């Protein structure tokens, strides 16, 4: 499954071990040049993932930042992540 918008691309695949949802981060220096912004994005993704963990199915998730994602506000990033988690949930229910 794939979910993408202006800020983030999220790839998800059901995991066989039924260990619950797992998170991977790929925040490239090319997409987000400053370490401060990369670390902020990673922190926000982890927080959002933990909050959504109870509603997510057993999937492996990889979050990748797109060009310029570091320039957006925390509120905008949280909103984007929330929409992605909902899409992943819906896609897993339909398949």
PDB file of N, CA and C in Angstrom:
ATOM      1  N   UNK A   1       0.838  -1.169   0.000  1.00  0.00           N
ATOM      2  CA  UNK A   1       0.000   0.000   0.000  1.00  0.00           C
ATOM      3  C   UNK A   1       0.884   1.232   0.000  1.00  0.00           C
ATOM      4  N   UNK A   2       0.389   2.264  -0.594  1.00  0.00           N
ATOM      5  CA  UNK A   2       1.151   3.504  -0.696  1.00  0.00           C
ATOM      6  C   UNK A   2       0.211   4.667  -0.453  1.00  0.00           C
ATOM      7  N   UNK A   3       0.678   5.621   0.327  1.00  0.00           N
ATOM      8  CA  UNK A   3      -0.084   6.834   0.586  1.00  0.00           C
ATOM      9  C   UNK A   3       0.893   7.999   0.457  1.00  0.00           C
ATOM     10  N   UNK A   4       0.546   8.966  -0.376  1.00  0.00           N
ATOM     11  CA  UNK A   4       1.464  10.085  -0.600  1.00  0.00           C
ATOM     12  C   UNK A   4       0.694  11.389  -0.664  1.00  0.00           C
ATOM     13  N   UNK A   5       1.344  12.446  -0.218  1.00  0.00           N
ATOM     14  CA  UNK A   5       0.833  13.796  -0.372  1.00  0.00           C
ATOM     15  C   UNK A   5       2.023  14.724  -0.606  1.00  0.00           C
ATOM     16  N   UNK A   6       1.815  16.009  -0.441  1.00  0.00           N
ATOM     17  CA  UNK A   6       2.853  17.001  -0.710  1.00  0.00           C
ATOM     18  C   UNK A   6       4.046  16.875   0.242  1.00  0.00           C
ATOM     19  N   UNK A   7       3.818  16.381   1.459  1.00  0.00           N
ATOM     20  CA  UNK A   7       4.864  16.355   2.479  1.00  0.00           C
ATOM     21  C   UNK A   7       5.538  15.001   2.662  1.00  0.00           C
ATOM     22  N   UNK A   8       4.730  13.934   2.638  1.00  0.00           N
ATOM     23  CA  UNK A   8       5.240  12.620   3.009  1.00  0.00           C
ATOM     24  C   UNK A   8       4.767  11.543   2.049  1.00  0.00           C
ATOM     25  N   UNK A   9       5.557  10.497   1.952  1.00  0.00           N
ATOM     26  CA  UNK A   9       5.150   9.274   1.267  1.00  0.00           C
ATOM     27  C   UNK A   9       5.250   8.161   2.292  1.00  0.00           C
ATOM     28  N   UNK A  10       4.177   7.373   2.407  1.00  0.00           N
ATOM     29  CA  UNK A  10       4.162   6.290   3.372  1.00  0.00           C
ATOM     30  C   UNK A  10       3.887   4.989   2.638  1.00  0.00           C
ATOM     31  N   UNK A  11       4.771   4.016   2.857  1.00  0.00           N
ATOM     32  CA  UNK A  11       4.619   2.678   2.301  1.00  0.00           C
ATOM     33  C   UNK A  11       4.239   1.743   3.436  1.00  0.00           C
ATOM     34  N   UNK A  12       3.292   0.866   3.185  1.00  0.00           N
ATOM     35  CA  UNK A  12       2.859  -0.075   4.220  1.00  0.00           C
ATOM     36  C   UNK A  12       2.656  -1.449   3.602  1.00  0.00           C
ATOM     37  N   UNK A  13       2.980  -2.460   4.368  1.00  0.00           N
ATOM     38  CA  UNK A  13       2.788  -3.843   3.937  1.00  0.00           C
ATOM     39  C   UNK A  13       2.392  -4.657   5.173  1.00  0.00           C
ATOM     40  N   UNK A  14       1.419  -5.521   5.012  1.00  0.00           N
ATOM     41  CA  UNK A  14       1.013  -6.345   6.151  1.00  0.00           C
ATOM     42  C   UNK A  14       2.184  -7.227   6.558  1.00  0.00           C
ATOM     43  N   UNK A  15       2.363  -7.387   7.867  1.00  0.00           N
ATOM     44  CA  UNK A  15       3.461  -8.237   8.324  1.00  0.00           C
ATOM     45  C   UNK A  15       2.914  -9.597   8.733  1.00  0.00           C
ATOM     46  N   UNK A  16       3.681 -10.605   8.488  1.00  0.00           N
ATOM     47  CA  UNK A  16       3.255 -11.988   8.695  1.00  0.00           C
ATOM     48  C   UNK A  16       3.279 -12.407  10.161  1.00  0.00           C
ATOM     49  N   UNK A  17       4.138 -11.790  10.955  1.00  0.00           N
ATOM     50  CA  UNK A  17       4.294 -12.205  12.344  1.00  0.00           C
ATOM     51  C   UNK A  17       3.182 -11.745  13.258  1.00  0.00           C
ATOM     52  N   UNK A  18       2.281 -10.902  12.755  1.00  0.00           N
ATOM     53  CA  UNK A  18       1.216 -10.330  13.582  1.00  0.00           C
ATOM     54  C   UNK A  18       1.773  -9.701  14.852  1.00  0.00           C
ATOM     55  N   UNK A  19       2.900  -9.019  14.708  1.00  0.00           N
ATOM     56  CA  UNK A  19       3.544  -8.350  15.838  1.00  0.00           C
ATOM     57  C   UNK A  19       2.936  -6.991  16.110  1.00  0.00           C
ATOM     58  N   UNK A  20       1.921  -6.616  15.377  1.00  0.00           N
ATOM     59  CA  UNK A  20       1.386  -5.275  15.476  1.00  0.00           C
ATOM     60  C   UNK A  20       2.075  -4.396  14.452  1.00  0.00           C
ATOM     61  N   UNK A  21       1.754  -3.138  14.444  1.00  0.00           N
ATOM     62  CA  UNK A  21       2.333  -2.205  13.484  1.00  0.00           C
ATOM     63  C   UNK A  21       3.772  -1.866  13.885  1.00  0.00           C
ATOM     64  N   UNK A  22       4.640  -1.749  12.876  1.00  0.00           N
ATOM     65  CA  UNK A  22       6.042  -1.365  13.108  1.00  0.00           C
ATOM     66  C   UNK A  22       6.366  -0.189  12.211  1.00  0.00           C
ATOM     67  N   UNK A  23       7.290   0.654  12.670  1.00  0.00           N
ATOM     68  CA  UNK A  23       7.607   1.900  11.983  1.00  0.00           C
ATOM     69  C   UNK A  23       9.054   1.938  11.526  1.00  0.00           C
ATOM     70  N   UNK A  24       9.269   2.436  10.310  1.00  0.00           N
ATOM     71  CA  UNK A  24      10.599   2.716   9.791  1.00  0.00           C
ATOM     72  C   UNK A  24      10.609   4.141   9.255  1.00  0.00           C
ATOM     73  N   UNK A  25      11.723   4.822   9.396  1.00  0.00           N
ATOM     74  CA  UNK A  25      11.832   6.213   8.951  1.00  0.00           C
ATOM     75  C   UNK A  25      12.937   6.353   7.912  1.00  0.00           C
ATOM     76  N   UNK A  26      12.651   7.102   6.860  1.00  0.00           N
ATOM     77  CA  UNK A  26      13.648   7.402   5.835  1.00  0.00           C
ATOM     78  C   UNK A  26      13.524   8.888   5.508  1.00  0.00           C
ATOM     79  N   UNK A  27      14.191   9.702   6.310  1.00  0.00           N
ATOM     80  CA  UNK A  27      14.139  11.148   6.132  1.00  0.00           C
ATOM     81  C   UNK A  27      15.481  11.558   5.522  1.00  0.00           C
ATOM     82  N   UNK A  28      15.507  11.690   4.216  1.00  0.00           N
ATOM     83  CA  UNK A  28      16.757  11.919   3.486  1.00  0.00           C
ATOM     84  C   UNK A  28      17.259  13.354   3.640  1.00  0.00           C
ATOM     85  N   UNK A  29      18.573  13.488   3.679  1.00  0.00           N
ATOM     86  CA  UNK A  29      19.194  14.799   3.759  1.00  0.00           C
ATOM     87  C   UNK A  29      18.894  15.618   2.506  1.00  0.00           C
ATOM     88  N   UNK A  30      18.757  14.948   1.389  1.00  0.00           N
ATOM     89  CA  UNK A  30      18.454  15.650   0.143  1.00  0.00           C
ATOM     90  C   UNK A  30      17.060  16.291   0.195  1.00  0.00           C
ATOM     91  N   UNK A  31      16.119  15.625   0.827  1.00  0.00           N
ATOM     92  CA  UNK A  31      14.745  16.148   0.920  1.00  0.00           C
ATOM     93  C   UNK A  31      14.611  17.186   2.022  1.00  0.00           C
ATOM     94  N   UNK A  32      15.302  16.964   3.149  1.00  0.00           N
ATOM     95  CA  UNK A  32      15.241  17.881   4.298  1.00  0.00           C
ATOM     96  C   UNK A  32      16.683  18.175   4.706  1.00  0.00           C
ATOM     97  N   UNK A  33      17.245  19.274   4.219  1.00  0.00           N
ATOM     98  CA  UNK A  33      18.690  19.519   4.368  1.00  0.00           C
ATOM     99  C   UNK A  33      19.209  19.705   5.792  1.00  0.00           C
ATOM    100  N   UNK A  34      18.437  20.297   6.686  1.00  0.00           N
ATOM    101  CA  UNK A  34      18.985  20.591   8.009  1.00  0.00           C
ATOM    102  C   UNK A  34      18.627  19.501   9.015  1.00  0.00           C
ATOM    103  N   UNK A  35      19.595  19.176   9.862  1.00  0.00           N
ATOM    104  CA  UNK A  35      19.405  18.133  10.864  1.00  0.00           C
ATOM    105  C   UNK A  35      18.285  18.494  11.833  1.00  0.00           C
ATOM    106  N   UNK A  36      18.151  19.758  12.152  1.00  0.00           N
ATOM    107  CA  UNK A  36      17.095  20.199  13.068  1.00  0.00           C
ATOM    108  C   UNK A  36      15.727  19.831  12.506  1.00  0.00           C
ATOM    109  N   UNK A  37      15.509  20.094  11.232  1.00  0.00           N
ATOM    110  CA  UNK A  37      14.214  19.782  10.614  1.00  0.00           C
ATOM    111  C   UNK A  37      14.020  18.272  10.463  1.00  0.00           C
ATOM    112  N   UNK A  38      15.074  17.549  10.112  1.00  0.00           N
ATOM    113  CA  UNK A  38      14.955  16.087   9.999  1.00  0.00           C
ATOM    114  C   UNK A  38      14.574  15.469  11.338  1.00  0.00           C
ATOM    115  N   UNK A  39      15.231  15.905  12.407  1.00  0.00           N
ATOM    116  CA  UNK A  39      14.941  15.364  13.736  1.00  0.00           C
ATOM    117  C   UNK A  39      13.539  15.736  14.199  1.00  0.00           C
ATOM    118  N   UNK A  40      13.084  16.941  13.871  1.00  0.00           N
ATOM    119  CA  UNK A  40      11.729  17.372  14.234  1.00  0.00           C
ATOM    120  C   UNK A  40      10.699  16.501  13.524  1.00  0.00           C
ATOM    121  N   UNK A  41      10.918  16.243  12.251  1.00  0.00           N
ATOM    122  CA  UNK A  41       9.990  15.394  11.491  1.00  0.00           C
ATOM    123  C   UNK A  41       9.967  13.988  12.075  1.00  0.00           C
ATOM    124  N   UNK A  42      11.132  13.437  12.388  1.00  0.00           N
ATOM    125  CA  UNK A  42      11.184  12.095  12.963  1.00  0.00           C
ATOM    126  C   UNK A  42      10.441  12.045  14.297  1.00  0.00           C
ATOM    127  N   UNK A  43      10.634  13.057  15.131  1.00  0.00           N
ATOM    128  CA  UNK A  43       9.952  13.102  16.424  1.00  0.00           C
ATOM    129  C   UNK A  43       8.435  13.147  16.241  1.00  0.00           C
ATOM    130  N   UNK A  44       7.972  13.995  15.313  1.00  0.00           N
ATOM    131  CA  UNK A  44       6.534  14.110  15.068  1.00  0.00           C
ATOM    132  C   UNK A  44       5.950  12.810  14.509  1.00  0.00           C
ATOM    133  N   UNK A  45       6.678  12.149  13.622  1.00  0.00           N
ATOM    134  CA  UNK A  45       6.198  10.882  13.055  1.00  0.00           C
ATOM    135  C   UNK A  45       6.080   9.835  14.154  1.00  0.00           C
ATOM    136  N   UNK A  46       7.090   9.734  15.017  1.00  0.00           N
ATOM    137  CA  UNK A  46       7.039   8.748  16.100  1.00  0.00           C
ATOM    138  C   UNK A  46       5.871   9.008  17.041  1.00  0.00           C
ATOM    139  N   UNK A  47       5.668  10.284  17.414  1.00  0.00           N
ATOM    140  CA  UNK A  47       4.551  10.642  18.294  1.00  0.00           C
ATOM    141  C   UNK A  47       3.219  10.279  17.658  1.00  0.00           C
ATOM    142  N   UNK A  48       3.056  10.633  16.401  1.00  0.00           N
ATOM    143  CA  UNK A  48       1.817  10.366  15.691  1.00  0.00           C
ATOM    144  C   UNK A  48       1.585   8.863  15.545  1.00  0.00           C
ATOM    145  N   UNK A  49       2.644   8.122  15.256  1.00  0.00           N
ATOM    146  CA  UNK A  49       2.537   6.670  15.099  1.00  0.00           C
ATOM    147  C   UNK A  49       2.099   6.025  16.410  1.00  0.00           C
ATOM    148  N   UNK A  50       2.698   6.440  17.524  1.00  0.00           N
ATOM    149  CA  UNK A  50       2.320   5.882  18.824  1.00  0.00           C
ATOM    150  C   UNK A  50       0.863   6.178  19.145  1.00  0.00           C
ATOM    151  N   UNK A  51       0.396   7.368  18.794  1.00  0.00           N
ATOM    152  CA  UNK A  51      -0.997   7.732  19.057  1.00  0.00           C
ATOM    153  C   UNK A  51      -1.963   6.906  18.208  1.00  0.00           C
ATOM    154  N   UNK A  52      -1.564   6.565  16.988  1.00  0.00           N
ATOM    155  CA  UNK A  52      -2.433   5.825  16.066  1.00  0.00           C
ATOM    156  C   UNK A  52      -2.243   4.320  16.158  1.00  0.00           C
ATOM    157  N   UNK A  53      -1.305   3.870  16.950  1.00  0.00           N
ATOM    158  CA  UNK A  53      -0.927   2.459  16.990  1.00  0.00           C
ATOM    159  C   UNK A  53      -2.100   1.533  17.304  1.00  0.00           C
ATOM    160  N   UNK A  54      -2.964   1.918  18.200  1.00  0.00           N
ATOM    161  CA  UNK A  54      -4.090   1.061  18.587  1.00  0.00           C
ATOM    162  C   UNK A  54      -5.070   0.846  17.434  1.00  0.00           C
ATOM    163  N   UNK A  55      -5.184   1.822  16.541  1.00  0.00           N
ATOM    164  CA  UNK A  55      -6.127   1.707  15.425  1.00  0.00           C
ATOM    165  C   UNK A  55      -5.515   1.084  14.178  1.00  0.00           C
ATOM    166  N   UNK A  56      -4.200   0.996  14.105  1.00  0.00           N
ATOM    167  CA  UNK A  56      -3.551   0.458  12.918  1.00  0.00           C
ATOM    168  C   UNK A  56      -3.558  -1.066  12.933  1.00  0.00           C
ATOM    169  N   UNK A  57      -3.735  -1.678  11.758  1.00  0.00           N
ATOM    170  CA  UNK A  57      -3.639  -3.139  11.685  1.00  0.00           C
ATOM    171  C   UNK A  57      -2.177  -3.571  11.791  1.00  0.00           C
ATOM    172  N   UNK A  58      -1.923  -4.840  11.678  1.00  0.00           N
ATOM    173  CA  UNK A  58      -0.577  -5.388  11.758  1.00  0.00           C
ATOM    174  C   UNK A  58       0.153  -5.126  10.437  1.00  0.00           C
ATOM    175  N   UNK A  59       0.862  -3.990  10.371  1.00  0.00           N
ATOM    176  CA  UNK A  59       1.551  -3.582   9.150  1.00  0.00           C
ATOM    177  C   UNK A  59       2.957  -3.084   9.477  1.00  0.00           C
ATOM    178  N   UNK A  60       3.825  -3.177   8.482  1.00  0.00           N
ATOM    179  CA  UNK A  60       5.139  -2.542   8.542  1.00  0.00           C
ATOM    180  C   UNK A  60       5.026  -1.261   7.750  1.00  0.00           C
ATOM    181  N   UNK A  61       5.396  -0.144   8.354  1.00  0.00           N
ATOM    182  CA  UNK A  61       5.222   1.170   7.747  1.00  0.00           C
ATOM    183  C   UNK A  61       6.587   1.834   7.582  1.00  0.00           C
ATOM    184  N   UNK A  62       6.829   2.425   6.413  1.00  0.00           N
ATOM    185  CA  UNK A  62       8.032   3.226   6.182  1.00  0.00           C
ATOM    186  C   UNK A  62       7.570   4.618   5.783  1.00  0.00           C
ATOM    187  N   UNK A  63       8.032   5.632   6.523  1.00  0.00           N
ATOM    188  CA  UNK A  63       7.677   7.021   6.253  1.00  0.00           C
ATOM    189  C   UNK A  63       8.875   7.701   5.607  1.00  0.00           C
ATOM    190  N   UNK A  64       8.629   8.331   4.442  1.00  0.00           N
ATOM    191  CA  UNK A  64       9.680   9.054   3.729  1.00  0.00           C
ATOM    192  C   UNK A  64       9.239  10.509   3.566  1.00  0.00           C
ATOM    193  N   UNK A  65      10.155  11.413   3.835  1.00  0.00           N
ATOM    194  CA  UNK A  65       9.856  12.840   3.675  1.00  0.00           C
ATOM    195  C   UNK A  65      10.077  13.243   2.225  1.00  0.00           C
ATOM    196  N   UNK A  66       9.244  14.149   1.765  1.00  0.00           N
ATOM    197  CA  UNK A  66       9.395  14.673   0.414  1.00  0.00           C
ATOM    198  C   UNK A  66      10.096  16.027   0.479  1.00  0.00           C
ATOM    199  N   UNK A  67      10.535  16.484  -0.658  1.00  0.00           N
ATOM    200  CA  UNK A  67      11.274  17.747  -0.765  1.00  0.00           C
ATOM    201  C   UNK A  67      10.501  18.875  -0.090  1.00  0.00           C
ATOM    202  N   UNK A  68      11.147  19.584   0.825  1.00  0.00           N
ATOM    203  CA  UNK A  68      10.550  20.752   1.458  1.00  0.00           C
ATOM    204  C   UNK A  68       9.650  20.466   2.643  1.00  0.00           C
ATOM    205  N   UNK A  69       9.559  19.229   3.082  1.00  0.00           N
ATOM    206  CA  UNK A  69       8.683  18.889   4.207  1.00  0.00           C
ATOM    207  C   UNK A  69       9.106  19.591   5.491  1.00  0.00           C
ATOM    208  N   UNK A  70      10.394  19.855   5.636  1.00  0.00           N
ATOM    209  CA  UNK A  70      10.898  20.494   6.847  1.00  0.00           C
ATOM    210  C   UNK A  70      10.478  21.939   7.012  1.00  0.00           C
ATOM    211  N   UNK A  71      10.001  22.553   5.953  1.00  0.00           N
ATOM    212  CA  UNK A  71       9.603  23.961   6.005  1.00  0.00           C
ATOM    213  C   UNK A  71       8.181  24.148   6.527  1.00  0.00           C
ATOM    214  N   UNK A  72       7.431  23.066   6.663  1.00  0.00           N
ATOM    215  CA  UNK A  72       6.041  23.169   7.091  1.00  0.00           C
ATOM    216  C   UNK A  72       5.934  23.111   8.611  1.00  0.00           C
ATOM    217  N   UNK A  73       4.818  23.601   9.126  1.00  0.00           N
ATOM    218  CA  UNK A  73       4.611  23.669  10.576  1.00  0.00           C
ATOM    219  C   UNK A  73       4.322  22.286  11.151  1.00  0.00           C
ATOM    220  N   UNK A  74       4.474  22.187  12.473  1.00  0.00           N
ATOM    221  CA  UNK A  74       4.174  20.939  13.165  1.00  0.00           C
ATOM    222  C   UNK A  74       2.715  20.552  12.971  1.00  0.00           C
ATOM    223  N   UNK A  75       1.830  21.522  13.030  1.00  0.00           N
ATOM    224  CA  UNK A  75       0.396  21.252  12.873  1.00  0.00           C
ATOM    225  C   UNK A  75       0.108  20.655  11.498  1.00  0.00           C
ATOM    226  N   UNK A  76       0.736  21.186  10.469  1.00  0.00           N
ATOM    227  CA  UNK A  76       0.525  20.684   9.107  1.00  0.00           C
ATOM    228  C   UNK A  76       1.065  19.262   8.961  1.00  0.00           C
ATOM    229  N   UNK A  77       2.218  18.987   9.553  1.00  0.00           N
ATOM    230  CA  UNK A  77       2.779  17.642   9.507  1.00  0.00           C
ATOM    231  C   UNK A  77       1.894  16.647  10.260  1.00  0.00           C
ATOM    232  N   UNK A  78       1.382  17.043  11.436  1.00  0.00           N
ATOM    233  CA  UNK A  78       0.483  16.166  12.199  1.00  0.00           C
ATOM    234  C   UNK A  78      -0.785  15.860  11.410  1.00  0.00           C
ATOM    235  N   UNK A  79      -1.329  16.883  10.757  1.00  0.00           N
ATOM    236  CA  UNK A  79      -2.539  16.699   9.964  1.00  0.00           C
ATOM    237  C   UNK A  79      -2.273  15.705   8.829  1.00  0.00           C
ATOM    238  N   UNK A  80      -1.155  15.871   8.146  1.00  0.00           N
ATOM    239  CA  UNK A  80      -0.791  14.974   7.058  1.00  0.00           C
ATOM    240  C   UNK A  80      -0.660  13.536   7.565  1.00  0.00           C
ATOM    241  N   UNK A  81       0.026  13.347   8.684  1.00  0.00           N
ATOM    242  CA  UNK A  81       0.210  12.005   9.241  1.00  0.00           C
ATOM    243  C   UNK A  81      -1.126  11.378   9.628  1.00  0.00           C
ATOM    244  N   UNK A  82      -1.986  12.154  10.222  1.00  0.00           N
ATOM    245  CA  UNK A  82      -3.301  11.646  10.613  1.00  0.00           C
ATOM    246  C   UNK A  82      -4.079  11.146   9.397  1.00  0.00           C
ATOM    247  N   UNK A  83      -4.027  11.896   8.318  1.00  0.00           N
ATOM    248  CA  UNK A  83      -4.706  11.484   7.083  1.00  0.00           C
ATOM    249  C   UNK A  83      -4.094  10.201   6.517  1.00  0.00           C
ATOM    250  N   UNK A  84      -2.784  10.085   6.587  1.00  0.00           N
ATOM    251  CA  UNK A  84      -2.112   8.877   6.099  1.00  0.00           C
ATOM    252  C   UNK A  84      -2.529   7.656   6.920  1.00  0.00           C
ATOM    253  N   UNK A  85      -2.567   7.777   8.251  1.00  0.00           N
ATOM    254  CA  UNK A  85      -2.953   6.637   9.085  1.00  0.00           C
ATOM    255  C   UNK A  85      -4.378   6.199   8.752  1.00  0.00           C
ATOM    256  N   UNK A  86      -5.266   7.156   8.517  1.00  0.00           N
ATOM    257  CA  UNK A  86      -6.645   6.810   8.157  1.00  0.00           C
ATOM    258  C   UNK A  86      -6.688   6.072   6.821  1.00  0.00           C
ATOM    259  N   UNK A  87      -5.927   6.556   5.838  1.00  0.00           N
ATOM    260  CA  UNK A  87      -5.887   5.891   4.531  1.00  0.00           C
ATOM    261  C   UNK A  87      -5.373   4.459   4.651  1.00  0.00           C
ATOM    262  N   UNK A  88      -4.321   4.269   5.421  1.00  0.00           N
ATOM    263  CA  UNK A  88      -3.748   2.930   5.598  1.00  0.00           C
ATOM    264  C   UNK A  88      -4.777   2.013   6.237  1.00  0.00           C
ATOM    265  N   UNK A  89      -5.461   2.517   7.261  1.00  0.00           N
ATOM    266  CA  UNK A  89      -6.487   1.728   7.933  1.00  0.00           C
ATOM    267  C   UNK A  89      -7.581   1.305   6.962  1.00  0.00           C
ATOM    268  N   UNK A  90      -8.056   2.247   6.154  1.00  0.00           N
ATOM    269  CA  UNK A  90      -9.115   1.955   5.173  1.00  0.00           C
ATOM    270  C   UNK A  90      -8.638   0.955   4.123  1.00  0.00           C
ATOM    271  N   UNK A  91      -7.419   1.127   3.631  1.00  0.00           N
ATOM    272  CA  UNK A  91      -6.898   0.225   2.604  1.00  0.00           C
ATOM    273  C   UNK A  91      -6.741  -1.200   3.146  1.00  0.00           C
ATOM    274  N   UNK A  92      -6.343  -1.330   4.402  1.00  0.00           N
ATOM    275  CA  UNK A  92      -6.193  -2.668   4.981  1.00  0.00           C
ATOM    276  C   UNK A  92      -7.545  -3.324   5.218  1.00  0.00           C
ATOM    277  N   UNK A  93      -8.536  -2.545   5.575  1.00  0.00           N
ATOM    278  CA  UNK A  93      -9.875  -3.093   5.784  1.00  0.00           C
ATOM    279  C   UNK A  93     -10.487  -3.573   4.490  1.00  0.00           C
ATOM    280  N   UNK A  94     -10.203  -2.867   3.390  1.00  0.00           N
ATOM    281  CA  UNK A  94     -10.806  -3.237   2.115  1.00  0.00           C
ATOM    282  C   UNK A  94     -10.104  -4.421   1.444  1.00  0.00           C
ATOM    283  N   UNK A  95      -8.874  -4.707   1.849  1.00  0.00           N
ATOM    284  CA  UNK A  95      -8.155  -5.816   1.201  1.00  0.00           C
ATOM    285  C   UNK A  95      -8.196  -7.081   2.013  1.00  0.00           C
TER     286      UNK A  95
END
